[in-house]
Amino acid sequence: MMSILEQRQIIESAFLPLNCRCLVEADDTLTVQIRAVGGERVLLGVKGIQRNELSSSRSISQLVLRLRQQVTLQESTHLTNREDRALRSAIHA
């Protein structure tokens, strides 16, 4: 299995220019937090990722793909909600 440093480096760099942090928990699982550029808004936070399931570059790539899909979904939901609020504000103005 890859070292945690290798796993972290691969995952964190896969999300550049976003700010991605991987933390190893006491139970040897990973917590991944992805923030928008500038680090203000959390786009996605996932806990309980089993490190032993990230034994190859392929398994890490699959994790990154799933996380990217979740970030994209979160972003589209966030934009839709923001557009809805702007439209409601314009209607009530």
PDB file of N, CA and C in Angstrom:
ATOM      1  N   MET A   1       0.846  -1.183   0.000  1.00  0.00           N
ATOM      2  CA  MET A   1       0.000   0.000   0.000  1.00  0.00           C
ATOM      3  C   MET A   1       0.888   1.241   0.000  1.00  0.00           C
ATOM      4  N   MET A   2       0.420   2.275  -0.663  1.00  0.00           N
ATOM      5  CA  MET A   2       1.146   3.547  -0.706  1.00  0.00           C
ATOM      6  C   MET A   2       1.175   4.172   0.673  1.00  0.00           C
ATOM      7  N   SER A   3       2.183   4.976   0.890  1.00  0.00           N
ATOM      8  CA  SER A   3       2.248   5.704   2.156  1.00  0.00           C
ATOM      9  C   SER A   3       1.170   6.788   2.163  1.00  0.00           C
ATOM     10  N   ILE A   4       0.818   7.223   3.352  1.00  0.00           N
ATOM     11  CA  ILE A   4      -0.187   8.273   3.478  1.00  0.00           C
ATOM     12  C   ILE A   4       0.289   9.551   2.806  1.00  0.00           C
ATOM     13  N   LEU A   5       1.579   9.819   2.859  1.00  0.00           N
ATOM     14  CA  LEU A   5       2.098  11.027   2.214  1.00  0.00           C
ATOM     15  C   LEU A   5       1.877  10.983   0.706  1.00  0.00           C
ATOM     16  N   GLU A   6       2.109   9.805   0.111  1.00  0.00           N
ATOM     17  CA  GLU A   6       1.871   9.657  -1.331  1.00  0.00           C
ATOM     18  C   GLU A   6       0.392   9.806  -1.660  1.00  0.00           C
ATOM     19  N   GLN A   7      -0.468   9.165  -0.874  1.00  0.00           N
ATOM     20  CA  GLN A   7      -1.905   9.257  -1.109  1.00  0.00           C
ATOM     21  C   GLN A   7      -2.378  10.698  -1.004  1.00  0.00           C
ATOM     22  N   ARG A   8      -1.952  11.376   0.059  1.00  0.00           N
ATOM     23  CA  ARG A   8      -2.359  12.772   0.263  1.00  0.00           C
ATOM     24  C   ARG A   8      -1.902  13.648  -0.890  1.00  0.00           C
ATOM     25  N   GLN A   9      -0.657  13.496  -1.304  1.00  0.00           N
ATOM     26  CA  GLN A   9      -0.107  14.334  -2.370  1.00  0.00           C
ATOM     27  C   GLN A   9      -0.879  14.137  -3.664  1.00  0.00           C
ATOM     28  N   ILE A  10      -1.201  12.906  -4.002  1.00  0.00           N
ATOM     29  CA  ILE A  10      -1.936  12.624  -5.235  1.00  0.00           C
ATOM     30  C   ILE A  10      -3.333  13.231  -5.168  1.00  0.00           C
ATOM     31  N   ILE A  11      -4.033  12.999  -4.071  1.00  0.00           N
ATOM     32  CA  ILE A  11      -5.416  13.488  -3.950  1.00  0.00           C
ATOM     33  C   ILE A  11      -5.443  15.012  -3.897  1.00  0.00           C
ATOM     34  N   GLU A  12      -4.616  15.612  -3.054  1.00  0.00           N
ATOM     35  CA  GLU A  12      -4.634  17.069  -2.903  1.00  0.00           C
ATOM     36  C   GLU A  12      -4.253  17.778  -4.194  1.00  0.00           C
ATOM     37  N   SER A  13      -3.266  17.263  -4.907  1.00  0.00           N
ATOM     38  CA  SER A  13      -2.843  17.920  -6.147  1.00  0.00           C
ATOM     39  C   SER A  13      -3.859  17.720  -7.272  1.00  0.00           C
ATOM     40  N   ALA A  14      -4.682  16.687  -7.185  1.00  0.00           N
ATOM     41  CA  ALA A  14      -5.677  16.429  -8.226  1.00  0.00           C
ATOM     42  C   ALA A  14      -6.755  17.512  -8.269  1.00  0.00           C
ATOM     43  N   PHE A  15      -6.905  18.263  -7.186  1.00  0.00           N
ATOM     44  CA  PHE A  15      -7.963  19.266  -7.129  1.00  0.00           C
ATOM     45  C   PHE A  15      -7.467  20.697  -7.315  1.00  0.00           C
ATOM     46  N   LEU A  16      -6.181  20.867  -7.590  1.00  0.00           N
ATOM     47  CA  LEU A  16      -5.677  22.219  -7.817  1.00  0.00           C
ATOM     48  C   LEU A  16      -6.427  22.865  -8.964  1.00  0.00           C
ATOM     49  N   PRO A  17      -6.787  24.098  -8.939  1.00  0.00           N
ATOM     50  CA  PRO A  17      -6.397  25.147  -8.007  1.00  0.00           C
ATOM     51  C   PRO A  17      -7.270  25.233  -6.756  1.00  0.00           C
ATOM     52  N   LEU A  18      -8.234  24.294  -6.597  1.00  0.00           N
ATOM     53  CA  LEU A  18      -9.022  24.288  -5.368  1.00  0.00           C
ATOM     54  C   LEU A  18      -8.121  23.901  -4.201  1.00  0.00           C
ATOM     55  N   ASN A  19      -8.558  24.214  -3.012  1.00  0.00           N
ATOM     56  CA  ASN A  19      -7.804  23.883  -1.806  1.00  0.00           C
ATOM     57  C   ASN A  19      -8.347  22.568  -1.259  1.00  0.00           C
ATOM     58  N   CYS A  20      -7.565  21.509  -1.351  1.00  0.00           N
ATOM     59  CA  CYS A  20      -7.968  20.181  -0.891  1.00  0.00           C
ATOM     60  C   CYS A  20      -7.056  19.771   0.255  1.00  0.00           C
ATOM     61  N   ARG A  21      -7.674  19.314   1.353  1.00  0.00           N
ATOM     62  CA  ARG A  21      -6.927  18.828   2.517  1.00  0.00           C
ATOM     63  C   ARG A  21      -7.362  17.408   2.830  1.00  0.00           C
ATOM     64  N   CYS A  22      -6.398  16.527   3.019  1.00  0.00           N
ATOM     65  CA  CYS A  22      -6.662  15.158   3.444  1.00  0.00           C
ATOM     66  C   CYS A  22      -6.127  14.998   4.861  1.00  0.00           C
ATOM     67  N   LEU A  23      -6.974  14.541   5.740  1.00  0.00           N
ATOM     68  CA  LEU A  23      -6.583  14.310   7.124  1.00  0.00           C
ATOM     69  C   LEU A  23      -6.734  12.832   7.440  1.00  0.00           C
ATOM     70  N   VAL A  24      -5.740  12.267   8.145  1.00  0.00           N
ATOM     71  CA  VAL A  24      -5.825  10.881   8.570  1.00  0.00           C
ATOM     72  C   VAL A  24      -6.403  10.867   9.976  1.00  0.00           C
ATOM     73  N   GLU A  25      -7.501  10.154  10.137  1.00  0.00           N
ATOM     74  CA  GLU A  25      -8.166  10.060  11.437  1.00  0.00           C
ATOM     75  C   GLU A  25      -7.547   8.938  12.262  1.00  0.00           C
ATOM     76  N   ALA A  26      -7.871   8.889  13.535  1.00  0.00           N
ATOM     77  CA  ALA A  26      -7.316   7.885  14.449  1.00  0.00           C
ATOM     78  C   ALA A  26      -7.637   6.458  14.008  1.00  0.00           C
ATOM     79  N   ASP A  27      -8.770   6.268  13.326  1.00  0.00           N
ATOM     80  CA  ASP A  27      -9.153   4.929  12.868  1.00  0.00           C
ATOM     81  C   ASP A  27      -8.572   4.582  11.496  1.00  0.00           C
ATOM     82  N   ASP A  28      -7.588   5.360  11.043  1.00  0.00           N
ATOM     83  CA  ASP A  28      -6.882   5.160   9.773  1.00  0.00           C
ATOM     84  C   ASP A  28      -7.774   5.382   8.557  1.00  0.00           C
ATOM     85  N   THR A  29      -8.807   6.205   8.707  1.00  0.00           N
ATOM     86  CA  THR A  29      -9.610   6.620   7.560  1.00  0.00           C
ATOM     87  C   THR A  29      -9.199   8.032   7.187  1.00  0.00           C
ATOM     88  N   LEU A  30      -9.581   8.429   5.988  1.00  0.00           N
ATOM     89  CA  LEU A  30      -9.280   9.775   5.515  1.00  0.00           C
ATOM     90  C   LEU A  30     -10.520  10.646   5.574  1.00  0.00           C
ATOM     91  N   THR A  31     -10.285  11.903   5.888  1.00  0.00           N
ATOM     92  CA  THR A  31     -11.300  12.931   5.724  1.00  0.00           C
ATOM     93  C   THR A  31     -10.765  13.875   4.668  1.00  0.00           C
ATOM     94  N   VAL A  32     -11.570  14.129   3.639  1.00  0.00           N
ATOM     95  CA  VAL A  32     -11.165  15.024   2.560  1.00  0.00           C
ATOM     96  C   VAL A  32     -12.084  16.238   2.594  1.00  0.00           C
ATOM     97  N   GLN A  33     -11.469  17.399   2.600  1.00  0.00           N
ATOM     98  CA  GLN A  33     -12.228  18.649   2.568  1.00  0.00           C
ATOM     99  C   GLN A  33     -11.730  19.467   1.378  1.00  0.00           C
ATOM    100  N   ILE A  34     -12.681  19.874   0.536  1.00  0.00           N
ATOM    101  CA  ILE A  34     -12.341  20.649  -0.655  1.00  0.00           C
ATOM    102  C   ILE A  34     -12.992  22.013  -0.520  1.00  0.00           C
ATOM    103  N   ARG A  35     -12.169  23.049  -0.627  1.00  0.00           N
ATOM    104  CA  ARG A  35     -12.642  24.423  -0.499  1.00  0.00           C
ATOM    105  C   ARG A  35     -12.448  25.160  -1.817  1.00  0.00           C
ATOM    106  N   ALA A  36     -13.257  26.194  -1.977  1.00  0.00           N
ATOM    107  CA  ALA A  36     -13.141  27.041  -3.160  1.00  0.00           C
ATOM    108  C   ALA A  36     -11.794  27.756  -3.139  1.00  0.00           C
ATOM    109  N   VAL A  37     -11.389  28.264  -4.285  1.00  0.00           N
ATOM    110  CA  VAL A  37     -10.158  29.040  -4.368  1.00  0.00           C
ATOM    111  C   VAL A  37     -10.275  30.198  -3.382  1.00  0.00           C
ATOM    112  N   GLY A  38      -9.259  30.421  -2.592  1.00  0.00           N
ATOM    113  CA  GLY A  38      -9.317  31.431  -1.542  1.00  0.00           C
ATOM    114  C   GLY A  38      -9.640  30.813  -0.192  1.00  0.00           C
ATOM    115  N   GLY A  39     -10.113  29.565  -0.198  1.00  0.00           N
ATOM    116  CA  GLY A  39     -10.319  28.824   1.025  1.00  0.00           C
ATOM    117  C   GLY A  39     -11.487  29.239   1.888  1.00  0.00           C
ATOM    118  N   GLU A  40     -12.407  30.038   1.356  1.00  0.00           N
ATOM    119  CA  GLU A  40     -13.505  30.532   2.173  1.00  0.00           C
ATOM    120  C   GLU A  40     -14.646  29.527   2.298  1.00  0.00           C
ATOM    121  N   ARG A  41     -15.139  29.054   1.201  1.00  0.00           N
ATOM    122  CA  ARG A  41     -16.346  28.224   1.199  1.00  0.00           C
ATOM    123  C   ARG A  41     -15.993  26.755   0.999  1.00  0.00           C
ATOM    124  N   VAL A  42     -16.529  25.905   1.877  1.00  0.00           N
ATOM    125  CA  VAL A  42     -16.323  24.467   1.735  1.00  0.00           C
ATOM    126  C   VAL A  42     -17.243  23.961   0.631  1.00  0.00           C
ATOM    127  N   LEU A  43     -16.650  23.360  -0.384  1.00  0.00           N
ATOM    128  CA  LEU A  43     -17.419  22.803  -1.488  1.00  0.00           C
ATOM    129  C   LEU A  43     -17.868  21.380  -1.184  1.00  0.00           C
ATOM    130  N   LEU A  44     -17.000  20.636  -0.479  1.00  0.00           N
ATOM    131  CA  LEU A  44     -17.302  19.246  -0.189  1.00  0.00           C
ATOM    132  C   LEU A  44     -16.460  18.772   0.983  1.00  0.00           C
ATOM    133  N   GLY A  45     -17.072  18.017   1.855  1.00  0.00           N
ATOM    134  CA  GLY A  45     -16.362  17.363   2.953  1.00  0.00           C
ATOM    135  C   GLY A  45     -16.821  15.918   3.030  1.00  0.00           C
ATOM    136  N   VAL A  46     -15.860  14.990   3.011  1.00  0.00           N
ATOM    137  CA  VAL A  46     -16.182  13.567   3.054  1.00  0.00           C
ATOM    138  C   VAL A  46     -15.334  12.915   4.141  1.00  0.00           C
ATOM    139  N   LYS A  47     -15.998  12.174   5.018  1.00  0.00           N
ATOM    140  CA  LYS A  47     -15.309  11.465   6.102  1.00  0.00           C
ATOM    141  C   LYS A  47     -15.411   9.966   5.885  1.00  0.00           C
ATOM    142  N   GLY A  48     -14.508   9.243   6.523  1.00  0.00           N
ATOM    143  CA  GLY A  48     -14.604   7.786   6.555  1.00  0.00           C
ATOM    144  C   GLY A  48     -14.117   7.064   5.323  1.00  0.00           C
ATOM    145  N   ILE A  49     -13.243   7.693   4.548  1.00  0.00           N
ATOM    146  CA  ILE A  49     -12.681   7.020   3.368  1.00  0.00           C
ATOM    147  C   ILE A  49     -11.637   6.027   3.856  1.00  0.00           C
ATOM    148  N   GLN A  50     -11.818   4.768   3.518  1.00  0.00           N
ATOM    149  CA  GLN A  50     -10.912   3.714   3.980  1.00  0.00           C
ATOM    150  C   GLN A  50      -9.581   3.779   3.235  1.00  0.00           C
ATOM    151  N   ARG A  51      -8.511   3.976   3.979  1.00  0.00           N
ATOM    152  CA  ARG A  51      -7.187   4.062   3.352  1.00  0.00           C
ATOM    153  C   ARG A  51      -6.798   2.777   2.649  1.00  0.00           C
ATOM    154  N   ASN A  52      -7.193   1.636   3.205  1.00  0.00           N
ATOM    155  CA  ASN A  52      -6.800   0.360   2.595  1.00  0.00           C
ATOM    156  C   ASN A  52      -7.475   0.139   1.238  1.00  0.00           C
ATOM    157  N   GLU A  53      -8.504   0.928   0.929  1.00  0.00           N
ATOM    158  CA  GLU A  53      -9.141   0.847  -0.384  1.00  0.00           C
ATOM    159  C   GLU A  53      -8.423   1.714  -1.419  1.00  0.00           C
ATOM    160  N   LEU A  54      -7.416   2.451  -0.985  1.00  0.00           N
ATOM    161  CA  LEU A  54      -6.650   3.332  -1.878  1.00  0.00           C
ATOM    162  C   LEU A  54      -5.248   2.766  -2.088  1.00  0.00           C
ATOM    163  N   SER A  55      -5.196   1.516  -2.476  1.00  0.00           N
ATOM    164  CA  SER A  55      -3.915   0.820  -2.568  1.00  0.00           C
ATOM    165  C   SER A  55      -3.215   0.981  -3.914  1.00  0.00           C
ATOM    166  N   SER A  56      -3.924   1.544  -4.897  1.00  0.00           N
ATOM    167  CA  SER A  56      -3.310   1.697  -6.217  1.00  0.00           C
ATOM    168  C   SER A  56      -3.651   3.069  -6.788  1.00  0.00           C
ATOM    169  N   SER A  57      -2.905   3.453  -7.802  1.00  0.00           N
ATOM    170  CA  SER A  57      -3.197   4.732  -8.444  1.00  0.00           C
ATOM    171  C   SER A  57      -4.577   4.698  -9.096  1.00  0.00           C
ATOM    172  N   ARG A  58      -4.994   3.543  -9.556  1.00  0.00           N
ATOM    173  CA  ARG A  58      -6.321   3.414 -10.155  1.00  0.00           C
ATOM    174  C   ARG A  58      -7.423   3.670  -9.130  1.00  0.00           C
ATOM    175  N   SER A  59      -7.306   3.094  -7.940  1.00  0.00           N
ATOM    176  CA  SER A  59      -8.327   3.292  -6.912  1.00  0.00           C
ATOM    177  C   SER A  59      -8.355   4.751  -6.443  1.00  0.00           C
ATOM    178  N   ILE A  60      -7.202   5.393  -6.393  1.00  0.00           N
ATOM    179  CA  ILE A  60      -7.158   6.813  -6.026  1.00  0.00           C
ATOM    180  C   ILE A  60      -7.795   7.648  -7.132  1.00  0.00           C
ATOM    181  N   SER A  61      -7.522   7.312  -8.382  1.00  0.00           N
ATOM    182  CA  SER A  61      -8.131   8.029  -9.510  1.00  0.00           C
ATOM    183  C   SER A  61      -9.650   7.905  -9.488  1.00  0.00           C
ATOM    184  N   GLN A  62     -10.149   6.738  -9.149  1.00  0.00           N
ATOM    185  CA  GLN A  62     -11.597   6.540  -9.064  1.00  0.00           C
ATOM    186  C   GLN A  62     -12.193   7.379  -7.941  1.00  0.00           C
ATOM    187  N   LEU A  63     -11.498   7.454  -6.797  1.00  0.00           N
ATOM    188  CA  LEU A  63     -11.957   8.299  -5.692  1.00  0.00           C
ATOM    189  C   LEU A  63     -11.990   9.757  -6.131  1.00  0.00           C
ATOM    190  N   VAL A  64     -10.924  10.219  -6.767  1.00  0.00           N
ATOM    191  CA  VAL A  64     -10.861  11.610  -7.229  1.00  0.00           C
ATOM    192  C   VAL A  64     -12.004  11.900  -8.199  1.00  0.00           C
ATOM    193  N   LEU A  65     -12.278  10.983  -9.105  1.00  0.00           N
ATOM    194  CA  LEU A  65     -13.377  11.165 -10.052  1.00  0.00           C
ATOM    195  C   LEU A  65     -14.707  11.310  -9.318  1.00  0.00           C
ATOM    196  N   ARG A  66     -14.971  10.428  -8.351  1.00  0.00           N
ATOM    197  CA  ARG A  66     -16.229  10.510  -7.592  1.00  0.00           C
ATOM    198  C   ARG A  66     -16.326  11.827  -6.830  1.00  0.00           C
ATOM    199  N   LEU A  67     -15.222  12.256  -6.224  1.00  0.00           N
ATOM    200  CA  LEU A  67     -15.229  13.512  -5.486  1.00  0.00           C
ATOM    201  C   LEU A  67     -15.441  14.700  -6.420  1.00  0.00           C
ATOM    202  N   ARG A  68     -14.811  14.673  -7.583  1.00  0.00           N
ATOM    203  CA  ARG A  68     -15.009  15.751  -8.568  1.00  0.00           C
ATOM    204  C   ARG A  68     -16.475  15.825  -9.007  1.00  0.00           C
ATOM    205  N   GLN A  69     -17.086  14.671  -9.205  1.00  0.00           N
ATOM    206  CA  GLN A  69     -18.497  14.647  -9.587  1.00  0.00           C
ATOM    207  C   GLN A  69     -19.361  15.254  -8.482  1.00  0.00           C
ATOM    208  N   GLN A  70     -19.040  14.944  -7.232  1.00  0.00           N
ATOM    209  CA  GLN A  70     -19.801  15.503  -6.113  1.00  0.00           C
ATOM    210  C   GLN A  70     -19.598  17.011  -6.012  1.00  0.00           C
ATOM    211  N   VAL A  71     -18.368  17.475  -6.235  1.00  0.00           N
ATOM    212  CA  VAL A  71     -18.097  18.918  -6.211  1.00  0.00           C
ATOM    213  C   VAL A  71     -18.886  19.608  -7.320  1.00  0.00           C
ATOM    214  N   THR A  72     -18.895  19.020  -8.515  1.00  0.00           N
ATOM    215  CA  THR A  72     -19.643  19.593  -9.636  1.00  0.00           C
ATOM    216  C   THR A  72     -21.129  19.667  -9.305  1.00  0.00           C
ATOM    217  N   LEU A  73     -21.663  18.617  -8.715  1.00  0.00           N
ATOM    218  CA  LEU A  73     -23.072  18.601  -8.330  1.00  0.00           C
ATOM    219  C   LEU A  73     -23.356  19.666  -7.273  1.00  0.00           C
ATOM    220  N   GLN A  74     -22.489  19.780  -6.280  1.00  0.00           N
ATOM    221  CA  GLN A  74     -22.653  20.789  -5.234  1.00  0.00           C
ATOM    222  C   GLN A  74     -22.605  22.190  -5.833  1.00  0.00           C
ATOM    223  N   GLU A  75     -21.666  22.417  -6.731  1.00  0.00           N
ATOM    224  CA  GLU A  75     -21.521  23.731  -7.359  1.00  0.00           C
ATOM    225  C   GLU A  75     -22.751  24.088  -8.192  1.00  0.00           C
ATOM    226  N   SER A  76     -23.263  23.124  -8.955  1.00  0.00           N
ATOM    227  CA  SER A  76     -24.439  23.420  -9.774  1.00  0.00           C
ATOM    228  C   SER A  76     -25.650  23.688  -8.886  1.00  0.00           C
ATOM    229  N   THR A  77     -25.774  22.969  -7.783  1.00  0.00           N
ATOM    230  CA  THR A  77     -26.860  23.216  -6.829  1.00  0.00           C
ATOM    231  C   THR A  77     -26.706  24.582  -6.193  1.00  0.00           C
ATOM    232  N   HIS A  78     -25.485  24.942  -5.831  1.00  0.00           N
ATOM    233  CA  HIS A  78     -25.219  26.245  -5.210  1.00  0.00           C
ATOM    234  C   HIS A  78     -25.555  27.379  -6.175  1.00  0.00           C
ATOM    235  N   LEU A  79     -25.140  27.237  -7.431  1.00  0.00           N
ATOM    236  CA  LEU A  79     -25.428  28.274  -8.429  1.00  0.00           C
ATOM    237  C   LEU A  79     -26.921  28.394  -8.680  1.00  0.00           C
ATOM    238  N   THR A  80     -27.612  27.268  -8.771  1.00  0.00           N
ATOM    239  CA  THR A  80     -29.052  27.294  -8.988  1.00  0.00           C
ATOM    240  C   THR A  80     -29.754  27.989  -7.828  1.00  0.00           C
ATOM    241  N   ASN A  81     -29.354  27.669  -6.601  1.00  0.00           N
ATOM    242  CA  ASN A  81     -29.960  28.319  -5.428  1.00  0.00           C
ATOM    243  C   ASN A  81     -29.679  29.811  -5.424  1.00  0.00           C
ATOM    244  N   ARG A  82     -28.467  30.202  -5.790  1.00  0.00           N
ATOM    245  CA  ARG A  82     -28.113  31.621  -5.823  1.00  0.00           C
ATOM    246  C   ARG A  82     -28.908  32.348  -6.903  1.00  0.00           C
ATOM    247  N   GLU A  83     -29.071  31.709  -8.059  1.00  0.00           N
ATOM    248  CA  GLU A  83     -29.858  32.307  -9.139  1.00  0.00           C
ATOM    249  C   GLU A  83     -31.322  32.438  -8.717  1.00  0.00           C
ATOM    250  N   ASP A  84     -31.854  31.431  -8.020  1.00  0.00           N
ATOM    251  CA  ASP A  84     -33.237  31.494  -7.532  1.00  0.00           C
ATOM    252  C   ASP A  84     -33.415  32.647  -6.558  1.00  0.00           C
ATOM    253  N   ARG A  85     -32.471  32.837  -5.649  1.00  0.00           N
ATOM    254  CA  ARG A  85     -32.552  33.939  -4.684  1.00  0.00           C
ATOM    255  C   ARG A  85     -32.492  35.284  -5.397  1.00  0.00           C
ATOM    256  N   ALA A  86     -31.620  35.401  -6.402  1.00  0.00           N
ATOM    257  CA  ALA A  86     -31.500  36.657  -7.156  1.00  0.00           C
ATOM    258  C   ALA A  86     -32.793  36.944  -7.904  1.00  0.00           C
ATOM    259  N   LEU A  87     -33.379  35.910  -8.481  1.00  0.00           N
ATOM    260  CA  LEU A  87     -34.633  36.095  -9.219  1.00  0.00           C
ATOM    261  C   LEU A  87     -35.755  36.504  -8.267  1.00  0.00           C
ATOM    262  N   ARG A  88     -35.826  35.852  -7.100  1.00  0.00           N
ATOM    263  CA  ARG A  88     -36.855  36.216  -6.125  1.00  0.00           C
ATOM    264  C   ARG A  88     -36.663  37.656  -5.638  1.00  0.00           C
ATOM    265  N   SER A  89     -35.424  38.052  -5.444  1.00  0.00           N
ATOM    266  CA  SER A  89     -35.145  39.435  -5.011  1.00  0.00           C
ATOM    267  C   SER A  89     -35.584  40.428  -6.077  1.00  0.00           C
ATOM    268  N   ALA A  90     -35.329  40.093  -7.331  1.00  0.00           N
ATOM    269  CA  ALA A  90     -35.705  40.984  -8.419  1.00  0.00           C
ATOM    270  C   ALA A  90     -37.216  41.093  -8.556  1.00  0.00           C
ATOM    271  N   ILE A  91     -37.909  39.999  -8.302  1.00  0.00           N
ATOM    272  CA  ILE A  91     -39.366  39.995  -8.396  1.00  0.00           C
ATOM    273  C   ILE A  91     -39.962  40.843  -7.282  1.00  0.00           C
ATOM    274  N   HIS A  92     -39.398  40.752  -6.087  1.00  0.00           N
ATOM    275  CA  HIS A  92     -39.934  41.497  -4.932  1.00  0.00           C
ATOM    276  C   HIS A  92     -39.471  42.931  -4.875  1.00  0.00           C
ATOM    277  N   ALA A  93     -38.563  43.323  -5.734  1.00  0.00           N
ATOM    278  CA  ALA A  93     -38.045  44.699  -5.695  1.00  0.00           C
ATOM    279  C   ALA A  93     -38.966  45.667  -6.378  1.00  0.00           C
TER     280      ALA A  93
END
